[in-house]
Amino acid sequence: MAAAIEIYTRPGCGYCSAAISLLQRKKAAFTHYDTATDSNLRQQMFDRTRAGATFPQIFIGGTHVGGCDDLYALDREGKLDGMIAGEGPSA
């Protein structure tokens, strides 16, 4: 079963667009939270990440993976596909 993917973004963010683009290329279903449409979403993101104040912030299967650079790093390491498939991070 595929992992639930959530991404918090803000308008005009190139890193947000790049992260969404990668997820779309992977044909991964995700929930997109645009923090500009609801200020509560920004607070929710801060509460969940604890330290993540940059955009985007991405969660896969409830695990905070970080931002765009972190997502691309997981892909380069060959770990992203397994996480998307719900297999958890590879060691």
N, C-alpha and C. Protein backbone atom coordinates (compact mmCIF):
# COMPACT_ATOMS: atom_id res chain seq x y z
N MET A 1 0.85 -1.19 0.00
CA MET A 1 0.00 0.00 0.00
C MET A 1 0.89 1.25 0.00
N ALA A 2 0.57 2.18 -0.84
CA ALA A 2 1.37 3.40 -0.96
C ALA A 2 1.30 4.22 0.32
N ALA A 3 2.41 4.86 0.62
CA ALA A 3 2.49 5.71 1.81
C ALA A 3 1.74 7.02 1.56
N ALA A 4 1.17 7.56 2.62
CA ALA A 4 0.54 8.88 2.53
C ALA A 4 1.65 9.91 2.44
N ILE A 5 1.56 10.80 1.45
CA ILE A 5 2.55 11.84 1.26
C ILE A 5 1.87 13.18 1.45
N GLU A 6 2.49 14.04 2.26
CA GLU A 6 1.97 15.38 2.51
C GLU A 6 3.08 16.38 2.23
N ILE A 7 2.72 17.48 1.58
CA ILE A 7 3.70 18.52 1.29
C ILE A 7 3.09 19.88 1.61
N TYR A 8 3.82 20.64 2.42
CA TYR A 8 3.42 22.01 2.78
C TYR A 8 4.20 22.97 1.89
N THR A 9 3.49 23.87 1.22
CA THR A 9 4.13 24.80 0.28
C THR A 9 3.67 26.22 0.51
N ARG A 10 4.34 27.14 -0.21
CA ARG A 10 3.90 28.53 -0.25
C ARG A 10 4.00 28.99 -1.70
N PRO A 11 3.19 29.94 -2.11
CA PRO A 11 3.21 30.42 -3.49
C PRO A 11 4.56 31.04 -3.85
N GLY A 12 4.97 30.86 -5.09
CA GLY A 12 6.19 31.47 -5.58
C GLY A 12 7.47 30.78 -5.14
N CYS A 13 7.36 29.63 -4.55
CA CYS A 13 8.51 28.89 -4.03
C CYS A 13 9.02 27.91 -5.09
N GLY A 14 10.20 28.18 -5.62
CA GLY A 14 10.78 27.30 -6.62
C GLY A 14 11.09 25.91 -6.09
N TYR A 15 11.52 25.82 -4.84
CA TYR A 15 11.80 24.52 -4.23
C TYR A 15 10.52 23.71 -4.08
N CYS A 16 9.42 24.39 -3.77
CA CYS A 16 8.12 23.72 -3.66
C CYS A 16 7.74 23.13 -5.01
N SER A 17 7.90 23.93 -6.07
CA SER A 17 7.56 23.47 -7.42
C SER A 17 8.43 22.29 -7.82
N ALA A 18 9.71 22.34 -7.48
CA ALA A 18 10.62 21.24 -7.83
C ALA A 18 10.26 19.96 -7.10
N ALA A 19 9.89 20.07 -5.83
CA ALA A 19 9.50 18.89 -5.05
C ALA A 19 8.22 18.28 -5.61
N ILE A 20 7.24 19.13 -5.91
CA ILE A 20 5.99 18.65 -6.48
C ILE A 20 6.25 17.99 -7.82
N SER A 21 7.12 18.57 -8.63
CA SER A 21 7.46 18.02 -9.93
C SER A 21 8.04 16.61 -9.80
N LEU A 22 8.95 16.41 -8.85
CA LEU A 22 9.53 15.09 -8.64
C LEU A 22 8.46 14.09 -8.23
N LEU A 23 7.58 14.48 -7.30
CA LEU A 23 6.52 13.56 -6.88
C LEU A 23 5.60 13.23 -8.05
N GLN A 24 5.30 14.19 -8.89
CA GLN A 24 4.45 13.94 -10.05
C GLN A 24 5.15 13.01 -11.04
N ARG A 25 6.45 13.20 -11.26
CA ARG A 25 7.20 12.30 -12.16
C ARG A 25 7.19 10.88 -11.63
N LYS A 26 7.16 10.74 -10.31
CA LYS A 26 7.11 9.42 -9.67
C LYS A 26 5.69 8.86 -9.66
N LYS A 27 4.74 9.65 -10.15
CA LYS A 27 3.31 9.29 -10.14
C LYS A 27 2.82 8.97 -8.73
N ALA A 28 3.35 9.73 -7.77
CA ALA A 28 3.00 9.57 -6.36
C ALA A 28 1.82 10.46 -6.03
N ALA A 29 0.82 9.88 -5.41
CA ALA A 29 -0.32 10.68 -4.94
C ALA A 29 0.12 11.40 -3.67
N PHE A 30 -0.27 12.67 -3.55
CA PHE A 30 0.12 13.43 -2.36
C PHE A 30 -0.96 14.44 -2.02
N THR A 31 -0.96 14.83 -0.75
CA THR A 31 -1.83 15.88 -0.27
C THR A 31 -1.02 17.15 -0.21
N HIS A 32 -1.52 18.17 -0.87
CA HIS A 32 -0.80 19.44 -0.99
C HIS A 32 -1.46 20.46 -0.07
N TYR A 33 -0.69 21.01 0.85
CA TYR A 33 -1.18 22.04 1.75
C TYR A 33 -0.56 23.38 1.36
N ASP A 34 -1.36 24.28 0.81
CA ASP A 34 -0.90 25.61 0.45
C ASP A 34 -1.08 26.50 1.67
N THR A 35 0.03 26.86 2.31
CA THR A 35 -0.04 27.61 3.56
C THR A 35 -0.53 29.04 3.37
N ALA A 36 -0.58 29.52 2.13
CA ALA A 36 -1.08 30.87 1.88
C ALA A 36 -2.60 30.93 1.99
N THR A 37 -3.26 29.80 1.81
CA THR A 37 -4.72 29.79 1.84
C THR A 37 -5.28 29.64 3.25
N ASP A 38 -4.44 29.20 4.19
CA ASP A 38 -4.91 28.97 5.56
C ASP A 38 -3.73 29.12 6.53
N SER A 39 -3.76 30.17 7.35
CA SER A 39 -2.66 30.41 8.28
C SER A 39 -2.51 29.27 9.29
N ASN A 40 -3.57 28.54 9.55
CA ASN A 40 -3.48 27.41 10.48
C ASN A 40 -2.58 26.31 9.92
N LEU A 41 -2.52 26.19 8.59
CA LEU A 41 -1.67 25.18 7.97
C LEU A 41 -0.20 25.47 8.24
N ARG A 42 0.17 26.74 8.20
CA ARG A 42 1.57 27.11 8.48
C ARG A 42 1.92 26.72 9.92
N GLN A 43 1.03 27.01 10.86
CA GLN A 43 1.28 26.64 12.26
C GLN A 43 1.33 25.13 12.41
N GLN A 44 0.45 24.43 11.72
CA GLN A 44 0.45 22.96 11.76
C GLN A 44 1.80 22.42 11.26
N MET A 45 2.31 23.01 10.18
CA MET A 45 3.60 22.60 9.65
C MET A 45 4.70 22.82 10.68
N PHE A 46 4.73 24.01 11.30
CA PHE A 46 5.74 24.30 12.32
C PHE A 46 5.64 23.32 13.49
N ASP A 47 4.42 23.03 13.90
CA ASP A 47 4.21 22.09 15.02
C ASP A 47 4.74 20.70 14.67
N ARG A 48 4.54 20.28 13.43
CA ARG A 48 4.95 18.94 13.02
C ARG A 48 6.45 18.83 12.78
N THR A 49 7.06 19.90 12.27
CA THR A 49 8.48 19.82 11.92
C THR A 49 9.39 20.22 13.07
N ARG A 50 8.88 20.98 14.00
CA ARG A 50 9.60 21.48 15.16
C ARG A 50 10.69 22.49 14.78
N ALA A 51 11.48 22.20 13.75
CA ALA A 51 12.55 23.13 13.38
C ALA A 51 12.43 23.59 11.93
N GLY A 52 11.62 22.90 11.15
CA GLY A 52 11.54 23.20 9.73
C GLY A 52 10.79 24.49 9.46
N ALA A 53 11.52 25.55 9.18
CA ALA A 53 10.89 26.84 8.93
C ALA A 53 10.94 27.22 7.46
N THR A 54 11.54 26.36 6.64
CA THR A 54 11.64 26.63 5.22
C THR A 54 10.58 25.85 4.46
N PHE A 55 10.41 26.21 3.20
CA PHE A 55 9.43 25.52 2.36
C PHE A 55 10.15 24.83 1.22
N PRO A 56 9.63 23.69 0.77
CA PRO A 56 8.50 22.96 1.33
C PRO A 56 8.93 22.11 2.52
N GLN A 57 7.96 21.55 3.21
CA GLN A 57 8.21 20.53 4.22
C GLN A 57 7.40 19.32 3.79
N ILE A 58 8.05 18.16 3.79
CA ILE A 58 7.47 16.96 3.20
C ILE A 58 7.44 15.83 4.21
N PHE A 59 6.33 15.12 4.23
CA PHE A 59 6.14 13.95 5.08
C PHE A 59 5.76 12.78 4.19
N ILE A 60 6.38 11.64 4.43
CA ILE A 60 6.03 10.41 3.70
C ILE A 60 5.75 9.34 4.74
N GLY A 61 4.53 8.83 4.71
CA GLY A 61 4.14 7.81 5.68
C GLY A 61 4.25 8.29 7.10
N GLY A 62 4.01 9.58 7.31
CA GLY A 62 4.08 10.15 8.65
C GLY A 62 5.49 10.54 9.08
N THR A 63 6.50 10.18 8.29
CA THR A 63 7.89 10.51 8.60
C THR A 63 8.25 11.84 7.96
N HIS A 64 8.81 12.73 8.74
CA HIS A 64 9.26 14.02 8.20
C HIS A 64 10.56 13.79 7.45
N VAL A 65 10.52 13.97 6.13
CA VAL A 65 11.74 13.77 5.33
C VAL A 65 12.49 15.07 5.10
N GLY A 66 11.87 16.20 5.38
CA GLY A 66 12.54 17.49 5.23
C GLY A 66 12.01 18.26 4.04
N GLY A 67 12.93 18.94 3.35
CA GLY A 67 12.54 19.80 2.24
C GLY A 67 12.88 19.21 0.89
N CYS A 68 12.92 20.08 -0.10
CA CYS A 68 13.16 19.68 -1.48
C CYS A 68 14.51 18.97 -1.64
N ASP A 69 15.57 19.56 -1.11
CA ASP A 69 16.89 18.94 -1.24
C ASP A 69 16.92 17.55 -0.62
N ASP A 70 16.24 17.39 0.50
CA ASP A 70 16.18 16.09 1.17
C ASP A 70 15.43 15.07 0.31
N LEU A 71 14.34 15.51 -0.31
CA LEU A 71 13.56 14.63 -1.18
C LEU A 71 14.40 14.15 -2.36
N TYR A 72 15.10 15.08 -3.00
CA TYR A 72 15.96 14.71 -4.14
C TYR A 72 17.11 13.82 -3.69
N ALA A 73 17.63 14.04 -2.48
CA ALA A 73 18.71 13.19 -1.96
C ALA A 73 18.21 11.76 -1.77
N LEU A 74 17.01 11.60 -1.24
CA LEU A 74 16.43 10.27 -1.09
C LEU A 74 16.30 9.58 -2.45
N ASP A 75 15.92 10.35 -3.46
CA ASP A 75 15.79 9.78 -4.81
C ASP A 75 17.17 9.36 -5.33
N ARG A 76 18.18 10.20 -5.18
CA ARG A 76 19.53 9.86 -5.64
C ARG A 76 20.07 8.62 -4.94
N GLU A 77 19.70 8.46 -3.67
CA GLU A 77 20.17 7.31 -2.87
C GLU A 77 19.36 6.05 -3.15
N GLY A 78 18.33 6.16 -3.98
CA GLY A 78 17.51 5.00 -4.31
C GLY A 78 16.52 4.62 -3.23
N LYS A 79 16.24 5.54 -2.32
CA LYS A 79 15.35 5.25 -1.19
C LYS A 79 13.93 5.76 -1.38
N LEU A 80 13.75 6.73 -2.27
CA LEU A 80 12.45 7.39 -2.39
C LEU A 80 11.36 6.46 -2.89
N ASP A 81 11.65 5.67 -3.91
CA ASP A 81 10.61 4.80 -4.46
C ASP A 81 10.07 3.84 -3.41
N GLY A 82 10.94 3.28 -2.59
CA GLY A 82 10.50 2.37 -1.54
C GLY A 82 9.64 3.08 -0.50
N MET A 83 10.03 4.30 -0.15
CA MET A 83 9.24 5.07 0.82
C MET A 83 7.86 5.36 0.24
N ILE A 84 7.81 5.76 -1.03
CA ILE A 84 6.53 6.06 -1.66
C ILE A 84 5.64 4.80 -1.68
N ALA A 85 6.27 3.66 -1.90
CA ALA A 85 5.53 2.40 -1.95
C ALA A 85 5.10 1.91 -0.56
N GLY A 86 5.54 2.63 0.49
CA GLY A 86 5.15 2.27 1.84
C GLY A 86 6.07 1.26 2.48
N GLU A 87 7.29 1.13 1.94
CA GLU A 87 8.23 0.15 2.46
C GLU A 87 9.13 0.74 3.54
N GLY A 88 9.00 2.02 3.82
CA GLY A 88 9.84 2.66 4.82
C GLY A 88 11.21 2.98 4.26
N PRO A 89 12.00 3.76 5.00
CA PRO A 89 13.34 4.12 4.51
C PRO A 89 14.25 2.91 4.44
N SER A 90 15.04 2.84 3.39
CA SER A 90 16.01 1.74 3.25
C SER A 90 17.25 2.07 4.06
N ALA A 91 17.87 1.04 4.56
CA ALA A 91 19.11 1.23 5.33
C ALA A 91 20.31 1.22 4.42
